C-alpha atoms as a PDB file:
ATOM      1  CA  UNK A   1     -12.970  32.396 -12.418  1.00  0.00           C
ATOM      2  CA  UNK A   2     -13.572  30.248  -9.088  1.00  0.00           C
ATOM      3  CA  UNK A   3     -10.599  29.137  -7.954  1.00  0.00           C
ATOM      4  CA  UNK A   4     -10.494  25.319  -6.730  1.00  0.00           C
ATOM      5  CA  UNK A   5      -8.598  25.421  -3.178  1.00  0.00           C
ATOM      6  CA  UNK A   6      -7.158  22.274  -1.229  1.00  0.00           C
ATOM      7  CA  UNK A   7      -5.766  22.805   2.161  1.00  0.00           C
ATOM      8  CA  UNK A   8      -3.402  19.842   2.757  1.00  0.00           C
ATOM      9  CA  UNK A   9      -1.982  18.276   5.871  1.00  0.00           C
ATOM     10  CA  UNK A  10      -4.744  18.625   8.605  1.00  0.00           C
ATOM     11  CA  UNK A  11      -4.474  16.958  11.405  1.00  0.00           C
ATOM     12  CA  UNK A  12      -7.588  18.442  13.763  1.00  0.00           C
ATOM     13  CA  UNK A  13     -10.800  18.786  14.040  1.00  0.00           C
ATOM     14  CA  UNK A  14     -10.518  22.411  14.914  1.00  0.00           C
ATOM     15  CA  UNK A  15      -8.742  23.252  11.508  1.00  0.00           C
ATOM     16  CA  UNK A  16     -10.993  20.279   9.162  1.00  0.00           C
ATOM     17  CA  UNK A  17     -13.730  22.677  10.440  1.00  0.00           C
ATOM     18  CA  UNK A  18     -11.724  26.169   9.490  1.00  0.00           C
ATOM     19  CA  UNK A  19     -10.801  24.767   6.424  1.00  0.00           C
ATOM     20  CA  UNK A  20     -14.687  23.507   5.841  1.00  0.00           C
ATOM     21  CA  UNK A  21     -15.873  26.545   6.726  1.00  0.00           C
ATOM     22  CA  UNK A  22     -14.026  28.912   4.837  1.00  0.00           C
ATOM     23  CA  UNK A  23     -15.233  27.369   2.122  1.00  0.00           C
ATOM     24  CA  UNK A  24     -12.090  24.807   0.719  1.00  0.00           C
ATOM     25  CA  UNK A  25     -13.356  22.323  -1.966  1.00  0.00           C
ATOM     26  CA  UNK A  26     -10.657  19.928  -0.851  1.00  0.00           C
ATOM     27  CA  UNK A  27      -8.974  18.869   2.054  1.00  0.00           C
ATOM     28  CA  UNK A  28      -5.900  16.380   2.170  1.00  0.00           C
ATOM     29  CA  UNK A  29      -4.519  14.088   4.875  1.00  0.00           C
ATOM     30  CA  UNK A  30      -0.687  12.830   4.249  1.00  0.00           C
ATOM     31  CA  UNK A  31       0.221   9.206   4.678  1.00  0.00           C
ATOM     32  CA  UNK A  32       3.925   9.623   4.939  1.00  0.00           C
ATOM     33  CA  UNK A  33       5.631   9.015   7.779  1.00  0.00           C
ATOM     34  CA  UNK A  34       8.841  10.943   7.803  1.00  0.00           C
ATOM     35  CA  UNK A  35       5.839  14.133   7.610  1.00  0.00           C
ATOM     36  CA  UNK A  36       5.292  16.331  10.591  1.00  0.00           C
ATOM     37  CA  UNK A  37       1.783  16.170   9.512  1.00  0.00           C
ATOM     38  CA  UNK A  38       1.599  12.116   9.078  1.00  0.00           C
ATOM     39  CA  UNK A  39      -1.752  10.864  10.395  1.00  0.00           C
ATOM     40  CA  UNK A  40      -2.852   7.531  10.656  1.00  0.00           C
ATOM     41  CA  UNK A  41      -5.780   5.739   8.993  1.00  0.00           C
ATOM     42  CA  UNK A  42      -8.135   5.650  12.253  1.00  0.00           C
ATOM     43  CA  UNK A  43      -7.401   9.728  12.646  1.00  0.00           C
ATOM     44  CA  UNK A  44      -8.031  10.497   9.450  1.00  0.00           C
ATOM     45  CA  UNK A  45     -11.051   8.562   9.070  1.00  0.00           C
ATOM     46  CA  UNK A  46     -12.695  10.433  12.399  1.00  0.00           C
ATOM     47  CA  UNK A  47     -11.346  13.491  11.217  1.00  0.00           C
ATOM     48  CA  UNK A  48     -12.843  12.500   7.004  1.00  0.00           C
ATOM     49  CA  UNK A  49     -16.115  11.758   8.646  1.00  0.00           C
ATOM     50  CA  UNK A  50     -16.743  15.599   9.435  1.00  0.00           C
ATOM     51  CA  UNK A  51     -16.115  16.702   6.365  1.00  0.00           C
ATOM     52  CA  UNK A  52     -19.598  17.148   4.478  1.00  0.00           C
ATOM     53  CA  UNK A  53     -20.387  16.163   0.801  1.00  0.00           C
ATOM     54  CA  UNK A  54     -18.578  17.562  -2.091  1.00  0.00           C
ATOM     55  CA  UNK A  55     -15.492  18.745  -0.501  1.00  0.00           C
ATOM     56  CA  UNK A  56     -13.305  16.476  -2.058  1.00  0.00           C
ATOM     57  CA  UNK A  57     -11.223  13.902   0.701  1.00  0.00           C
ATOM     58  CA  UNK A  58      -7.915  13.520  -0.804  1.00  0.00           C
ATOM     59  CA  UNK A  59      -4.851  10.768   0.841  1.00  0.00           C
ATOM     60  CA  UNK A  60      -1.425  11.670  -0.201  1.00  0.00           C
ATOM     61  CA  UNK A  61       0.732   9.176  -0.599  1.00  0.00           C
ATOM     62  CA  UNK A  62       4.895   8.626  -1.550  1.00  0.00           C
ATOM     63  CA  UNK A  63       5.810   5.829  -3.338  1.00  0.00           C
ATOM     64  CA  UNK A  64       3.371   3.441  -1.272  1.00  0.00           C
ATOM     65  CA  UNK A  65       2.922   0.001  -1.632  1.00  0.00           C
ATOM     66  CA  UNK A  66      -0.421  -1.263  -2.308  1.00  0.00           C
ATOM     67  CA  UNK A  67      -0.986  -2.886   1.071  1.00  0.00           C
ATOM     68  CA  UNK A  68      -0.549   0.792   2.860  1.00  0.00           C
ATOM     69  CA  UNK A  69      -3.208   2.237   0.372  1.00  0.00           C
ATOM     70  CA  UNK A  70      -5.495  -0.627   1.055  1.00  0.00           C
ATOM     71  CA  UNK A  71      -5.185   0.139   5.027  1.00  0.00           C
ATOM     72  CA  UNK A  72      -5.742   3.797   4.623  1.00  0.00           C
ATOM     73  CA  UNK A  73      -8.841   3.120   1.932  1.00  0.00           C
ATOM     74  CA  UNK A  74     -10.573   0.759   3.187  1.00  0.00           C
ATOM     75  CA  UNK A  75     -11.129   2.951   7.202  1.00  0.00           C
ATOM     76  CA  UNK A  76     -11.206   6.066   5.310  1.00  0.00           C
ATOM     77  CA  UNK A  77     -14.260   7.467   2.765  1.00  0.00           C
ATOM     78  CA  UNK A  78     -12.417   9.177   0.056  1.00  0.00           C
ATOM     79  CA  UNK A  79     -12.936  10.960  -3.092  1.00  0.00           C
ATOM     80  CA  UNK A  80      -8.704  10.868  -4.469  1.00  0.00           C
ATOM     81  CA  UNK A  81      -5.923   9.628  -3.891  1.00  0.00           C
ATOM     82  CA  UNK A  82      -2.720  11.982  -4.187  1.00  0.00           C
ATOM     83  CA  UNK A  83       0.457  10.272  -4.923  1.00  0.00           C
ATOM     84  CA  UNK A  84       3.128  12.432  -4.785  1.00  0.00           C
ATOM     85  CA  UNK A  85       6.396  10.000  -4.573  1.00  0.00           C
ATOM     86  CA  UNK A  86       8.095   8.898  -8.550  1.00  0.00           C
ATOM     87  CA  UNK A  87       5.139   7.057  -8.630  1.00  0.00           C
ATOM     88  CA  UNK A  88       5.181   6.554 -13.135  1.00  0.00           C
ATOM     89  CA  UNK A  89       2.591   6.946 -15.394  1.00  0.00           C
ATOM     90  CA  UNK A  90       2.002   3.364 -15.357  1.00  0.00           C
ATOM     91  CA  UNK A  91       1.415   3.277 -11.585  1.00  0.00           C
ATOM     92  CA  UNK A  92      -0.782   5.771 -11.477  1.00  0.00           C
ATOM     93  CA  UNK A  93      -2.815   3.894 -13.945  1.00  0.00           C
ATOM     94  CA  UNK A  94      -2.448   0.795 -11.428  1.00  0.00           C
ATOM     95  CA  UNK A  95      -3.418   2.388  -8.283  1.00  0.00           C
ATOM     96  CA  UNK A  96      -6.882   4.451 -10.184  1.00  0.00           C
ATOM     97  CA  UNK A  97      -7.711   0.328 -11.277  1.00  0.00           C
ATOM     98  CA  UNK A  98      -7.342  -1.179  -7.922  1.00  0.00           C
ATOM     99  CA  UNK A  99      -8.646   1.300  -6.150  1.00  0.00           C
ATOM    100  CA  UNK A 100     -11.644   2.728  -8.135  1.00  0.00           C
ATOM    101  CA  UNK A 101     -10.392   5.804  -6.379  1.00  0.00           C
ATOM    102  CA  UNK A 102      -9.385   8.691  -8.661  1.00  0.00           C
ATOM    103  CA  UNK A 103      -6.106   9.533  -8.953  1.00  0.00           C
ATOM    104  CA  UNK A 104      -3.707  13.317  -8.981  1.00  0.00           C
ATOM    105  CA  UNK A 105      -0.217  13.059  -9.330  1.00  0.00           C
ATOM    106  CA  UNK A 106       1.953  15.676  -7.950  1.00  0.00           C
ATOM    107  CA  UNK A 107       4.672  16.714 -10.227  1.00  0.00           C
ATOM    108  CA  UNK A 108       7.927  18.574  -8.967  1.00  0.00           C
ATOM    109  CA  UNK A 109       9.032  21.574 -11.414  1.00  0.00           C
ATOM    110  CA  UNK A 110      12.321  23.453 -11.463  1.00  0.00           C
ATOM    111  CA  UNK A 111      12.666  23.937 -15.627  1.00  0.00           C
ATOM    112  CA  UNK A 112      10.526  24.215 -18.282  1.00  0.00           C
ATOM    113  CA  UNK A 113      11.444  20.506 -19.174  1.00  0.00           C
ATOM    114  CA  UNK A 114       9.671  19.304 -16.044  1.00  0.00           C
ATOM    115  CA  UNK A 115       6.822  20.967 -17.383  1.00  0.00           C
ATOM    116  CA  UNK A 116       7.278  19.183 -20.641  1.00  0.00           C
ATOM    117  CA  UNK A 117       8.193  15.691 -18.860  1.00  0.00           C
ATOM    118  CA  UNK A 118       4.636  16.163 -16.896  1.00  0.00           C
ATOM    119  CA  UNK A 119       2.907  15.803 -20.338  1.00  0.00           C
ATOM    120  CA  UNK A 120       4.045  11.601 -19.623  1.00  0.00           C
ATOM    121  CA  UNK A 121       1.197  11.549 -16.864  1.00  0.00           C
ATOM    122  CA  UNK A 122      -1.572  12.986 -19.218  1.00  0.00           C
ATOM    123  CA  UNK A 123      -4.364  10.004 -19.775  1.00  0.00           C
ATOM    124  CA  UNK A 124      -3.023   8.471 -16.496  1.00  0.00           C
ATOM    125  CA  UNK A 125      -4.289  10.495 -13.928  1.00  0.00           C
ATOM    126  CA  UNK A 126      -7.777  12.613 -13.141  1.00  0.00           C
ATOM    127  CA  UNK A 127      -6.108  15.427 -11.715  1.00  0.00           C
ATOM    128  CA  UNK A 128      -2.230  17.161 -11.946  1.00  0.00           C
ATOM    129  CA  UNK A 129      -0.378  18.997  -8.954  1.00  0.00           C
ATOM    130  CA  UNK A 130       2.689  21.333  -9.608  1.00  0.00           C
ATOM    131  CA  UNK A 131       4.646  21.593  -6.883  1.00  0.00           C
ATOM    132  CA  UNK A 132       8.073  22.763  -6.581  1.00  0.00           C
ATOM    133  CA  UNK A 133      11.119  20.411  -6.779  1.00  0.00           C
ATOM    134  CA  UNK A 134      12.515  19.198  -4.035  1.00  0.00           C
ATOM    135  CA  UNK A 135      16.455  19.615  -3.467  1.00  0.00           C
ATOM    136  CA  UNK A 136      18.937  16.545  -3.828  1.00  0.00           C
ATOM    137  CA  UNK A 137      18.984  16.671   0.237  1.00  0.00           C
ATOM    138  CA  UNK A 138      14.889  17.207   1.197  1.00  0.00           C
ATOM    139  CA  UNK A 139      13.887  15.115   3.417  1.00  0.00           C
ATOM    140  CA  UNK A 140      10.406  15.434   1.900  1.00  0.00           C
ATOM    141  CA  UNK A 141       9.036  15.451  -1.777  1.00  0.00           C
ATOM    142  CA  UNK A 142       6.923  17.774  -1.266  1.00  0.00           C
ATOM    143  CA  UNK A 143       5.845  20.689   2.307  1.00  0.00           C
ATOM    144  CA  UNK A 144       8.805  22.475   2.343  1.00  0.00           C
ATOM    145  CA  UNK A 145       7.529  26.486   1.901  1.00  0.00           C
ATOM    146  CA  UNK A 146       9.490  26.220  -1.258  1.00  0.00           C
ATOM    147  CA  UNK A 147       7.999  27.771  -4.470  1.00  0.00           C
ATOM    148  CA  UNK A 148       9.328  27.922  -7.943  1.00  0.00           C
ATOM    149  CA  UNK A 149       8.847  29.954 -10.853  1.00  0.00           C
ATOM    150  CA  UNK A 150       5.470  30.417 -11.555  1.00  0.00           C
ATOM    151  CA  UNK A 151       5.696  31.650 -15.365  1.00  0.00           C
ATOM    152  CA  UNK A 152       6.826  28.349 -15.963  1.00  0.00           C
ATOM    153  CA  UNK A 153       3.352  27.229 -16.476  1.00  0.00           C
ATOM    154  CA  UNK A 154       1.505  30.150 -17.802  1.00  0.00           C
ATOM    155  CA  UNK A 155      -0.411  29.149 -21.304  1.00  0.00           C
ATOM    156  CA  UNK A 156       0.007  25.530 -20.863  1.00  0.00           C
ATOM    157  CA  UNK A 157      -3.455  23.255 -21.228  1.00  0.00           C
ATOM    158  CA  UNK A 158      -3.643  20.639 -19.540  1.00  0.00           C
ATOM    159  CA  UNK A 159      -6.691  17.782 -20.491  1.00  0.00           C
ATOM    160  CA  UNK A 160      -7.467  17.298 -16.331  1.00  0.00           C
ATOM    161  CA  UNK A 161      -7.886  19.977 -13.941  1.00  0.00           C
ATOM    162  CA  UNK A 162      -4.752  21.114 -11.976  1.00  0.00           C
ATOM    163  CA  UNK A 163      -3.546  22.814  -8.929  1.00  0.00           C
ATOM    164  CA  UNK A 164      -0.407  24.825  -8.189  1.00  0.00           C
ATOM    165  CA  UNK A 165       1.583  24.049  -4.927  1.00  0.00           C
ATOM    166  CA  UNK A 166       4.933  25.162  -3.660  1.00  0.00           C
ATOM    167  CA  UNK A 167       5.508  28.394  -0.769  1.00  0.00           C
ATOM    168  CA  UNK A 168       1.967  29.344  -1.409  1.00  0.00           C
ATOM    169  CA  UNK A 169       0.767  31.670   1.731  1.00  0.00           C
ATOM    170  CA  UNK A 170      -1.859  34.050   2.142  1.00  0.00           C
ATOM    171  CA  UNK A 171       0.529  36.929   1.079  1.00  0.00           C
ATOM    172  CA  UNK A 172       2.184  35.279  -2.350  1.00  0.00           C
ATOM    173  CA  UNK A 173      -1.556  33.066  -3.298  1.00  0.00           C
ATOM    174  CA  UNK A 174      -2.820  36.101  -6.030  1.00  0.00           C
ATOM    175  CA  UNK A 175       0.135  36.425  -7.614  1.00  0.00           C
ATOM    176  CA  UNK A 176       1.054  32.985  -7.836  1.00  0.00           C
ATOM    177  CA  UNK A 177      -2.442  32.104  -9.430  1.00  0.00           C
ATOM    178  CA  UNK A 178      -1.929  35.356 -11.858  1.00  0.00           C
ATOM    179  CA  UNK A 179       1.861  34.493 -12.686  1.00  0.00           C
ATOM    180  CA  UNK A 180       0.557  30.680 -13.593  1.00  0.00           C
ATOM    181  CA  UNK A 181      -2.606  30.409 -14.950  1.00  0.00           C
ATOM    182  CA  UNK A 182      -3.522  28.208 -12.298  1.00  0.00           C
ATOM    183  CA  UNK A 183      -7.354  27.056 -11.787  1.00  0.00           C
ATOM    184  CA  UNK A 184      -6.525  25.761  -8.128  1.00  0.00           C
ATOM    185  CA  UNK A 185      -4.179  26.026  -5.681  1.00  0.00           C
ATOM    186  CA  UNK A 186      -2.852  23.467  -3.271  1.00  0.00           C
ATOM    187  CA  UNK A 187      -1.340  24.802   0.663  1.00  0.00           C
ATOM    188  CA  UNK A 188       0.062  22.935   3.248  1.00  0.00           C
ATOM    189  CA  UNK A 189       3.035  24.615   5.258  1.00  0.00           C
ATOM    190  CA  UNK A 190       1.954  28.057   4.265  1.00  0.00           C
ATOM    191  CA  UNK A 191      -1.370  28.083   6.622  1.00  0.00           C
ATOM    192  CA  UNK A 192       1.098  26.756   9.740  1.00  0.00           C
ATOM    193  CA  UNK A 193       2.395  28.088  12.920  1.00  0.00           C
ATOM    194  CA  UNK A 194       5.333  25.359  12.926  1.00  0.00           C
ATOM    195  CA  UNK A 195       5.811  22.332  10.877  1.00  0.00           C
ATOM    196  CA  UNK A 196       2.733  20.281  10.938  1.00  0.00           C
ATOM    197  CA  UNK A 197       0.842  22.662  12.971  1.00  0.00           C
ATOM    198  CA  UNK A 198      -2.262  24.440  11.293  1.00  0.00           C
ATOM    199  CA  UNK A 199      -3.482  27.945  12.160  1.00  0.00           C
ATOM    200  CA  UNK A 200      -6.928  28.371  11.570  1.00  0.00           C
ATOM    201  CA  UNK A 201      -6.231  32.138  10.931  1.00  0.00           C
ATOM    202  CA  UNK A 202      -3.998  31.290   8.175  1.00  0.00           C
ATOM    203  CA  UNK A 203      -6.575  28.776   6.496  1.00  0.00           C
ATOM    204  CA  UNK A 204      -9.577  31.036   6.444  1.00  0.00           C
ATOM    205  CA  UNK A 205      -6.656  33.830   5.312  1.00  0.00           C
ATOM    206  CA  UNK A 206      -5.129  31.988   2.562  1.00  0.00           C
ATOM    207  CA  UNK A 207      -9.031  30.672   1.174  1.00  0.00           C
ATOM    208  CA  UNK A 208      -9.782  34.832   1.021  1.00  0.00           C
ATOM    209  CA  UNK A 209      -6.810  35.563  -0.934  1.00  0.00           C
ATOM    210  CA  UNK A 210      -7.459  32.616  -3.054  1.00  0.00           C
ATOM    211  CA  UNK A 211     -10.746  33.587  -3.619  1.00  0.00           C
ATOM    212  CA  UNK A 212     -10.596  37.541  -3.828  1.00  0.00           C
ATOM    213  CA  UNK A 213      -7.816  36.890  -6.921  1.00  0.00           C
ATOM    214  CA  UNK A 214     -10.322  34.746  -8.884  1.00  0.00           C
ATOM    215  CA  UNK A 215     -12.856  37.523  -8.478  1.00  0.00           C
ATOM    216  CA  UNK A 216     -10.346  40.155  -9.952  1.00  0.00           C
ATOM    217  CA  UNK A 217      -9.622  37.084 -13.196  1.00  0.00           C
ATOM    218  CA  UNK A 218     -13.684  37.315 -13.612  1.00  0.00           C
ATOM    219  CA  UNK A 219     -14.116  41.324 -14.070  1.00  0.00           C
END
């Protein structure tokens, strides 16, 4: 099967080019001040302008107010809004309606109960993203290079497309896809040399590994 791959937290033209050139289906720009991957709307607009049609440009927000989202949507061409905080299903519906852009909700997973709780978002979002649930002292809700038990998602069915995230690297993404049955993956820290600094070589290696696992699943 074809694995959907999203490269998140891009900050430079070189890494955007590497992601697109290696066949990324989705690229992400982070608008969360505490993240080392945060960009301004003006920076993201310049980066997004170099992304060809067919690649989904995504903006990541964490419990953002409408005004903050509007400031980005007005400047950056986007196909998806990723809500990565404690947004409720109703908030997801409201954001989608207000801005007219599809919404993907990120949901933290540490146990089977978290997977069950995610059912509350069915019908509220256009996509789902399952990430490692951050610890109580974590400064960020994602991008912490932490994985969870991928098998918790094995055999589950969802009414919308979904992605797997959390501590993925080129070395682990194949195992993660096989264990979870994920139709898509999202990576940020796993393709960096240091937090916030992406590696073009690691981006290409990650995409190659995900594609290879997808081909195995089709054989």
